[in-house]
Amino acid sequence: MDMMFGNSDTLGKFGQLFDPVIFGLVLGCVLILAWVQSGKSSLALAFAALPRCGREPFSESGENATFMCRRIDFVLREQGFIGLERLHSEDHFITRMIGELVNAKDAKTFEEWARMQCHIAKKKQDMAESYWNAASEIAPAIGLIGTIIGLIQLFATGIDPLKMGPAMSFTLLTSLYGMFISHIIAFPIHMRLKARAEILNAYRAAVAEHLIAIAKRELVILTPVHFSPAKPLRAAH
């Protein structure tokens, strides 16, 4: 029985540390300000990346840029461009790029498309991790602002103990939630997404450069337009 009451007291004390209204207010301010700082698409990208942040890319298959480039060369040598249509990567971005190479008309067009797609993909990866980095930096400031507001309310109430309690609680909880959101939620997510983005960006850049080199070497060059100078006009008689 004493153990049961002890656990009940512990849960009661823990419940005093969590105020859903104050926590929601601090978290909402952090998310909104991080969105304003990182760009209009950052919020959707940041939350869309959460299901994948806990695992390394290619952790199960062991795929890497060298492995993929050798696979491409082997299939190209043994089966030609037709075989590349059946070649797939764990990264759907690379699979789409290989398909574009098979259907490309000339090397220049493919190179421009590939570099643009790599830039867009890198920007999306970087935007997701930079959003959570911004959130980790903003959260302590939001907590400090709440603390200052609480202190102002505390001093405004004078020495009335009945009014000092809520103000002091607001003062301490905002700082606690700001530090919690920063160091326990946002910063670990930022570090995981940053590590994932570095792996994916390096992998995609290496394979894309290899595909561009293949395009320059293998794609049929369109017949150039030959310029034939006009025949000189005969002098009028």
C-alpha atoms as a PDB file:
ATOM      1  CA  MET A   1       0.000   0.000   0.000  1.00  0.00           C
ATOM      2  CA  ASP A   2       2.820   2.401   0.851  1.00  0.00           C
ATOM      3  CA  MET A   3       4.384   1.635  -2.524  1.00  0.00           C
ATOM      4  CA  MET A   4       1.101   2.345  -4.264  1.00  0.00           C
ATOM      5  CA  PHE A   5       0.709   5.674  -2.490  1.00  0.00           C
ATOM      6  CA  GLY A   6       4.367   6.488  -3.204  1.00  0.00           C
ATOM      7  CA  ASN A   7       3.815   5.894  -6.903  1.00  0.00           C
ATOM      8  CA  SER A   8       0.682   8.001  -6.778  1.00  0.00           C
ATOM      9  CA  ASP A   9       2.588  10.852  -5.156  1.00  0.00           C
ATOM     10  CA  THR A  10       5.324  10.555  -7.780  1.00  0.00           C
ATOM     11  CA  LEU A  11       2.790  10.706 -10.603  1.00  0.00           C
ATOM     12  CA  GLY A  12       1.160  13.693  -8.932  1.00  0.00           C
ATOM     13  CA  LYS A  13       4.450  15.543  -8.711  1.00  0.00           C
ATOM     14  CA  PHE A  14       5.240  14.660 -12.305  1.00  0.00           C
ATOM     15  CA  GLY A  15       1.831  15.936 -13.351  1.00  0.00           C
ATOM     16  CA  GLN A  16       2.643  19.288 -11.795  1.00  0.00           C
ATOM     17  CA  LEU A  17       5.521  19.628 -14.249  1.00  0.00           C
ATOM     18  CA  PHE A  18       3.273  19.300 -17.284  1.00  0.00           C
ATOM     19  CA  ASP A  19       0.834  22.000 -18.223  1.00  0.00           C
ATOM     20  CA  PRO A  20      -0.601  21.193 -21.671  1.00  0.00           C
ATOM     21  CA  VAL A  21      -1.657  24.782 -22.303  1.00  0.00           C
ATOM     22  CA  ILE A  22       1.758  26.298 -21.576  1.00  0.00           C
ATOM     23  CA  PHE A  23       3.575  23.473 -23.399  1.00  0.00           C
ATOM     24  CA  GLY A  24       1.330  23.862 -26.438  1.00  0.00           C
ATOM     25  CA  LEU A  25       1.858  27.625 -26.411  1.00  0.00           C
ATOM     26  CA  VAL A  26       5.658  27.308 -26.309  1.00  0.00           C
ATOM     27  CA  LEU A  27       5.722  24.527 -28.917  1.00  0.00           C
ATOM     28  CA  GLY A  28       3.375  26.410 -31.245  1.00  0.00           C
ATOM     29  CA  CYS A  29       5.488  29.567 -31.074  1.00  0.00           C
ATOM     30  CA  VAL A  30       8.649  27.553 -31.790  1.00  0.00           C
ATOM     31  CA  LEU A  31       7.156  25.764 -34.802  1.00  0.00           C
ATOM     32  CA  ILE A  32       5.719  28.936 -36.302  1.00  0.00           C
ATOM     33  CA  LEU A  33       8.901  30.982 -35.901  1.00  0.00           C
ATOM     34  CA  ALA A  34      11.058  28.154 -37.282  1.00  0.00           C
ATOM     35  CA  TRP A  35       8.721  27.996 -40.278  1.00  0.00           C
ATOM     36  CA  VAL A  36       9.008  31.761 -40.814  1.00  0.00           C
ATOM     37  CA  GLN A  37      12.796  31.546 -40.607  1.00  0.00           C
ATOM     38  CA  SER A  38      13.250  28.477 -42.843  1.00  0.00           C
ATOM     39  CA  GLY A  39      10.739  29.164 -45.629  1.00  0.00           C
ATOM     40  CA  LYS A  40       7.159  28.387 -46.563  1.00  0.00           C
ATOM     41  CA  SER A  41       7.800  24.772 -47.639  1.00  0.00           C
ATOM     42  CA  SER A  42       9.987  23.907 -44.662  1.00  0.00           C
ATOM     43  CA  LEU A  43       7.200  22.916 -42.248  1.00  0.00           C
ATOM     44  CA  ALA A  44       5.746  20.232 -44.544  1.00  0.00           C
ATOM     45  CA  LEU A  45       9.201  18.916 -45.472  1.00  0.00           C
ATOM     46  CA  ALA A  46      10.337  18.852 -41.841  1.00  0.00           C
ATOM     47  CA  PHE A  47       7.414  16.731 -40.655  1.00  0.00           C
ATOM     48  CA  ALA A  48       7.429  14.541 -43.770  1.00  0.00           C
ATOM     49  CA  ALA A  49      11.053  13.631 -43.000  1.00  0.00           C
ATOM     50  CA  LEU A  50      10.313  12.469 -39.432  1.00  0.00           C
ATOM     51  CA  PRO A  51       9.349   8.838 -40.256  1.00  0.00           C
ATOM     52  CA  ARG A  52      12.713   8.335 -42.006  1.00  0.00           C
ATOM     53  CA  CYS A  53      15.012  10.159 -39.608  1.00  0.00           C
ATOM     54  CA  GLY A  54      15.431   7.187 -37.295  1.00  0.00           C
ATOM     55  CA  ARG A  55      17.188   4.946 -39.813  1.00  0.00           C
ATOM     56  CA  GLU A  56      20.178   5.365 -42.049  1.00  0.00           C
ATOM     57  CA  PRO A  57      19.585   5.308 -45.824  1.00  0.00           C
ATOM     58  CA  PHE A  58      20.684   2.021 -47.414  1.00  0.00           C
ATOM     59  CA  SER A  59      21.330   0.504 -43.973  1.00  0.00           C
ATOM     60  CA  GLU A  60      19.717  -2.802 -44.979  1.00  0.00           C
ATOM     61  CA  SER A  61      21.000  -3.109 -48.545  1.00  0.00           C
ATOM     62  CA  GLY A  62      24.457  -1.610 -47.993  1.00  0.00           C
ATOM     63  CA  GLU A  63      24.112   0.340 -51.232  1.00  0.00           C
ATOM     64  CA  ASN A  64      26.633   3.103 -51.919  1.00  0.00           C
ATOM     65  CA  ALA A  65      27.735   5.269 -54.828  1.00  0.00           C
ATOM     66  CA  THR A  66      30.631   3.023 -55.921  1.00  0.00           C
ATOM     67  CA  PHE A  67      28.416  -0.056 -55.843  1.00  0.00           C
ATOM     68  CA  MET A  68      25.676   1.651 -57.870  1.00  0.00           C
ATOM     69  CA  CYS A  69      28.064   3.053 -60.479  1.00  0.00           C
ATOM     70  CA  ARG A  70      29.568  -0.405 -61.034  1.00  0.00           C
ATOM     71  CA  ARG A  71      26.102  -1.913 -61.410  1.00  0.00           C
ATOM     72  CA  ILE A  72      25.256   0.698 -64.020  1.00  0.00           C
ATOM     73  CA  ASP A  73      28.473   0.026 -65.939  1.00  0.00           C
ATOM     74  CA  PHE A  74      27.944  -3.748 -65.814  1.00  0.00           C
ATOM     75  CA  VAL A  75      24.355  -3.576 -67.074  1.00  0.00           C
ATOM     76  CA  LEU A  76      25.298  -1.067 -69.752  1.00  0.00           C
ATOM     77  CA  ARG A  77      28.150  -3.273 -70.962  1.00  0.00           C
ATOM     78  CA  GLU A  78      26.160  -6.520 -70.902  1.00  0.00           C
ATOM     79  CA  GLN A  79      22.690  -5.385 -71.962  1.00  0.00           C
ATOM     80  CA  GLY A  80      22.998  -1.845 -73.263  1.00  0.00           C
ATOM     81  CA  PHE A  81      20.567   0.967 -72.573  1.00  0.00           C
ATOM     82  CA  ILE A  82      17.608  -1.445 -72.661  1.00  0.00           C
ATOM     83  CA  GLY A  83      18.949  -3.191 -69.580  1.00  0.00           C
ATOM     84  CA  LEU A  84      19.092   0.061 -67.647  1.00  0.00           C
ATOM     85  CA  GLU A  85      15.284   0.222 -67.743  1.00  0.00           C
ATOM     86  CA  ARG A  86      15.184  -2.731 -65.326  1.00  0.00           C
ATOM     87  CA  LEU A  87      17.877  -1.352 -63.013  1.00  0.00           C
ATOM     88  CA  HIS A  88      16.573  -0.004 -59.710  1.00  0.00           C
ATOM     89  CA  SER A  89      18.152   1.726 -56.736  1.00  0.00           C
ATOM     90  CA  GLU A  90      17.055   1.857 -53.120  1.00  0.00           C
ATOM     91  CA  ASP A  91      16.824   5.602 -53.727  1.00  0.00           C
ATOM     92  CA  HIS A  92      13.849   6.371 -55.964  1.00  0.00           C
ATOM     93  CA  PHE A  93      15.558   9.575 -57.063  1.00  0.00           C
ATOM     94  CA  ILE A  94      18.384   7.600 -58.718  1.00  0.00           C
ATOM     95  CA  THR A  95      15.923   5.140 -60.275  1.00  0.00           C
ATOM     96  CA  ARG A  96      14.087   8.086 -61.854  1.00  0.00           C
ATOM     97  CA  MET A  97      17.370   9.559 -63.077  1.00  0.00           C
ATOM     98  CA  ILE A  98      18.385   6.269 -64.719  1.00  0.00           C
ATOM     99  CA  GLY A  99      15.020   6.130 -66.470  1.00  0.00           C
ATOM    100  CA  GLU A 100      15.513   9.668 -67.719  1.00  0.00           C
ATOM    101  CA  LEU A 101      18.932   8.716 -69.103  1.00  0.00           C
ATOM    102  CA  VAL A 102      17.420   5.823 -71.070  1.00  0.00           C
ATOM    103  CA  ASN A 103      14.889   8.164 -72.690  1.00  0.00           C
ATOM    104  CA  ALA A 104      17.194  11.170 -73.125  1.00  0.00           C
ATOM    105  CA  LYS A 105      17.641  12.558 -76.615  1.00  0.00           C
ATOM    106  CA  ASP A 106      21.012  14.212 -76.162  1.00  0.00           C
ATOM    107  CA  ALA A 107      23.672  14.573 -73.468  1.00  0.00           C
ATOM    108  CA  LYS A 108      23.296  18.322 -72.988  1.00  0.00           C
ATOM    109  CA  THR A 109      19.596  18.162 -72.200  1.00  0.00           C
ATOM    110  CA  PHE A 110      20.102  15.277 -69.796  1.00  0.00           C
ATOM    111  CA  GLU A 111      22.965  17.043 -68.016  1.00  0.00           C
ATOM    112  CA  GLU A 112      20.924  20.194 -67.487  1.00  0.00           C
ATOM    113  CA  TRP A 113      17.952  18.180 -66.197  1.00  0.00           C
ATOM    114  CA  ALA A 114      20.108  16.019 -63.892  1.00  0.00           C
ATOM    115  CA  ARG A 115      21.909  18.959 -62.313  1.00  0.00           C
ATOM    116  CA  MET A 116      18.652  20.804 -61.742  1.00  0.00           C
ATOM    117  CA  GLN A 117      17.037  17.756 -60.108  1.00  0.00           C
ATOM    118  CA  CYS A 118      20.064  17.229 -57.865  1.00  0.00           C
ATOM    119  CA  HIS A 119      19.857  20.859 -56.770  1.00  0.00           C
ATOM    120  CA  ILE A 120      16.141  20.556 -55.984  1.00  0.00           C
ATOM    121  CA  ALA A 121      16.601  17.287 -54.065  1.00  0.00           C
ATOM    122  CA  LYS A 122      19.511  18.705 -52.059  1.00  0.00           C
ATOM    123  CA  LYS A 123      17.532  21.818 -51.205  1.00  0.00           C
ATOM    124  CA  LYS A 124      14.659  19.695 -49.868  1.00  0.00           C
ATOM    125  CA  GLN A 125      16.990  17.581 -47.729  1.00  0.00           C
ATOM    126  CA  ASP A 126      18.774  20.625 -46.338  1.00  0.00           C
ATOM    127  CA  MET A 127      15.537  22.503 -45.693  1.00  0.00           C
ATOM    128  CA  ALA A 128      14.132  19.713 -43.521  1.00  0.00           C
ATOM    129  CA  GLU A 129      17.176  19.546 -41.251  1.00  0.00           C
ATOM    130  CA  SER A 130      17.634  23.323 -41.151  1.00  0.00           C
ATOM    131  CA  TYR A 131      14.029  23.694 -39.936  1.00  0.00           C
ATOM    132  CA  TRP A 132      14.707  21.568 -36.859  1.00  0.00           C
ATOM    133  CA  ASN A 133      18.005  23.350 -36.315  1.00  0.00           C
ATOM    134  CA  ALA A 134      16.120  26.654 -36.299  1.00  0.00           C
ATOM    135  CA  ALA A 135      13.574  25.188 -33.870  1.00  0.00           C
ATOM    136  CA  SER A 136      16.345  24.082 -31.500  1.00  0.00           C
ATOM    137  CA  GLU A 137      17.809  27.593 -31.518  1.00  0.00           C
ATOM    138  CA  ILE A 138      14.462  29.392 -31.132  1.00  0.00           C
ATOM    139  CA  ALA A 139      13.002  27.248 -28.333  1.00  0.00           C
ATOM    140  CA  PRO A 140      15.236  28.536 -25.470  1.00  0.00           C
ATOM    141  CA  ALA A 141      14.492  32.111 -26.525  1.00  0.00           C
ATOM    142  CA  ILE A 142      10.747  31.436 -26.414  1.00  0.00           C
ATOM    143  CA  GLY A 143      11.172  29.923 -22.955  1.00  0.00           C
ATOM    144  CA  LEU A 144      13.136  32.964 -21.806  1.00  0.00           C
ATOM    145  CA  ILE A 145      10.446  35.299 -23.122  1.00  0.00           C
ATOM    146  CA  GLY A 146       7.859  33.328 -21.135  1.00  0.00           C
ATOM    147  CA  THR A 147      10.057  33.562 -18.057  1.00  0.00           C
ATOM    148  CA  ILE A 148      10.312  37.333 -18.375  1.00  0.00           C
ATOM    149  CA  ILE A 149       6.543  37.626 -18.818  1.00  0.00           C
ATOM    150  CA  GLY A 150       6.051  35.462 -15.728  1.00  0.00           C
ATOM    151  CA  LEU A 151       8.438  37.597 -13.689  1.00  0.00           C
ATOM    152  CA  ILE A 152       6.608  40.736 -14.747  1.00  0.00           C
ATOM    153  CA  GLN A 153       3.347  39.195 -13.574  1.00  0.00           C
ATOM    154  CA  LEU A 154       5.032  38.060 -10.369  1.00  0.00           C
ATOM    155  CA  PHE A 155       6.313  41.524  -9.492  1.00  0.00           C
ATOM    156  CA  ALA A 156       2.999  43.070 -10.473  1.00  0.00           C
ATOM    157  CA  THR A 157       1.127  40.942  -7.912  1.00  0.00           C
ATOM    158  CA  GLY A 158       3.219  42.177  -4.993  1.00  0.00           C
ATOM    159  CA  ILE A 159       3.616  39.780  -2.112  1.00  0.00           C
ATOM    160  CA  ASP A 160       0.203  38.132  -2.273  1.00  0.00           C
ATOM    161  CA  PRO A 161       1.022  34.384  -1.958  1.00  0.00           C
ATOM    162  CA  LEU A 162      -2.229  33.348  -3.658  1.00  0.00           C
ATOM    163  CA  LYS A 163      -1.291  35.249  -6.801  1.00  0.00           C
ATOM    164  CA  MET A 164       2.416  34.524  -6.767  1.00  0.00           C
ATOM    165  CA  GLY A 165       1.980  30.792  -7.288  1.00  0.00           C
ATOM    166  CA  PRO A 166       0.530  30.803 -10.843  1.00  0.00           C
ATOM    167  CA  ALA A 167       2.959  33.480 -11.996  1.00  0.00           C
ATOM    168  CA  MET A 168       5.954  31.585 -10.614  1.00  0.00           C
ATOM    169  CA  SER A 169       4.693  28.357 -12.163  1.00  0.00           C
ATOM    170  CA  PHE A 170       4.372  30.020 -15.581  1.00  0.00           C
ATOM    171  CA  THR A 171       7.846  31.526 -15.169  1.00  0.00           C
ATOM    172  CA  LEU A 172       9.577  28.225 -14.490  1.00  0.00           C
ATOM    173  CA  LEU A 173       7.570  26.006 -16.840  1.00  0.00           C
ATOM    174  CA  THR A 174       8.182  28.139 -19.930  1.00  0.00           C
ATOM    175  CA  SER A 175      11.939  27.900 -19.432  1.00  0.00           C
ATOM    176  CA  LEU A 176      11.656  24.168 -18.771  1.00  0.00           C
ATOM    177  CA  TYR A 177       9.599  23.557 -21.915  1.00  0.00           C
ATOM    178  CA  GLY A 178      11.867  25.733 -24.031  1.00  0.00           C
ATOM    179  CA  MET A 179      14.932  23.737 -22.989  1.00  0.00           C
ATOM    180  CA  PHE A 180      13.052  20.442 -23.359  1.00  0.00           C
ATOM    181  CA  ILE A 181      11.871  21.220 -26.897  1.00  0.00           C
ATOM    182  CA  SER A 182      15.324  22.444 -27.884  1.00  0.00           C
ATOM    183  CA  HIS A 183      17.595  19.734 -26.455  1.00  0.00           C
ATOM    184  CA  ILE A 184      15.327  16.700 -26.229  1.00  0.00           C
ATOM    185  CA  ILE A 185      13.168  17.070 -29.357  1.00  0.00           C
ATOM    186  CA  ALA A 186      14.430  19.495 -32.010  1.00  0.00           C
ATOM    187  CA  PHE A 187      18.219  19.175 -31.795  1.00  0.00           C
ATOM    188  CA  PRO A 188      18.364  15.335 -31.925  1.00  0.00           C
ATOM    189  CA  ILE A 189      16.010  15.366 -34.926  1.00  0.00           C
ATOM    190  CA  HIS A 190      18.207  17.993 -36.578  1.00  0.00           C
ATOM    191  CA  MET A 191      21.345  15.895 -36.098  1.00  0.00           C
ATOM    192  CA  ARG A 192      19.711  12.743 -37.456  1.00  0.00           C
ATOM    193  CA  LEU A 193      18.324  14.526 -40.522  1.00  0.00           C
ATOM    194  CA  LYS A 194      21.651  16.275 -41.112  1.00  0.00           C
ATOM    195  CA  ALA A 195      23.536  12.971 -41.120  1.00  0.00           C
ATOM    196  CA  ARG A 196      20.934  11.441 -43.436  1.00  0.00           C
ATOM    197  CA  ALA A 197      21.047  14.442 -45.780  1.00  0.00           C
ATOM    198  CA  GLU A 198      24.843  14.281 -46.043  1.00  0.00           C
ATOM    199  CA  ILE A 199      24.708  10.606 -47.024  1.00  0.00           C
ATOM    200  CA  LEU A 200      21.930  11.073 -49.588  1.00  0.00           C
ATOM    201  CA  ASN A 201      23.369  14.243 -51.121  1.00  0.00           C
ATOM    202  CA  ALA A 202      26.824  12.701 -51.546  1.00  0.00           C
ATOM    203  CA  TYR A 203      25.354   9.495 -52.993  1.00  0.00           C
ATOM    204  CA  ARG A 204      23.116  11.303 -55.456  1.00  0.00           C
ATOM    205  CA  ALA A 205      25.829  13.714 -56.575  1.00  0.00           C
ATOM    206  CA  ALA A 206      28.317  10.892 -57.281  1.00  0.00           C
ATOM    207  CA  VAL A 207      25.844   8.727 -59.224  1.00  0.00           C
ATOM    208  CA  ALA A 208      24.479  11.744 -61.115  1.00  0.00           C
ATOM    209  CA  GLU A 209      27.977  12.726 -62.268  1.00  0.00           C
ATOM    210  CA  HIS A 210      28.555   9.138 -63.417  1.00  0.00           C
ATOM    211  CA  LEU A 211      25.304   9.155 -65.406  1.00  0.00           C
ATOM    212  CA  ILE A 212      26.201  12.499 -66.960  1.00  0.00           C
ATOM    213  CA  ALA A 213      29.562  11.072 -68.048  1.00  0.00           C
ATOM    214  CA  ILE A 214      27.780   8.070 -69.599  1.00  0.00           C
ATOM    215  CA  ALA A 215      25.387  10.376 -71.426  1.00  0.00           C
ATOM    216  CA  LYS A 216      28.268  12.373 -72.890  1.00  0.00           C
ATOM    217  CA  ARG A 217      29.963   9.177 -74.005  1.00  0.00           C
ATOM    218  CA  GLU A 218      27.099   6.965 -75.146  1.00  0.00           C
ATOM    219  CA  LEU A 219      24.209   9.060 -76.369  1.00  0.00           C
ATOM    220  CA  VAL A 220      23.854   9.430 -80.098  1.00  0.00           C
ATOM    221  CA  ILE A 221      24.816  12.891 -81.174  1.00  0.00           C
ATOM    222  CA  LEU A 222      22.287  14.439 -83.467  1.00  0.00           C
ATOM    223  CA  THR A 223      23.479  15.092 -86.994  1.00  0.00           C
ATOM    224  CA  PRO A 224      24.914  18.599 -87.043  1.00  0.00           C
ATOM    225  CA  VAL A 225      23.527  21.179 -89.381  1.00  0.00           C
ATOM    226  CA  HIS A 226      26.049  21.880 -92.126  1.00  0.00           C
ATOM    227  CA  PHE A 227      26.349  25.420 -93.384  1.00  0.00           C
ATOM    228  CA  SER A 228      26.675  25.740 -97.126  1.00  0.00           C
ATOM    229  CA  PRO A 229      27.675  29.183 -98.272  1.00  0.00           C
ATOM    230  CA  ALA A 230      25.448  30.703-100.879  1.00  0.00           C
ATOM    231  CA  LYS A 231      26.685  30.605-104.456  1.00  0.00           C
ATOM    232  CA  PRO A 232      28.055  33.919-105.612  1.00  0.00           C
ATOM    233  CA  LEU A 233      25.632  35.876-107.700  1.00  0.00           C
ATOM    234  CA  ARG A 234      26.486  36.251-111.334  1.00  0.00           C
ATOM    235  CA  ALA A 235      27.173  39.712-112.440  1.00  0.00           C
ATOM    236  CA  ALA A 236      24.293  41.214-114.228  1.00  0.00           C
ATOM    237  CA  HIS A 237      24.945  41.868-117.926  1.00  0.00           C
END
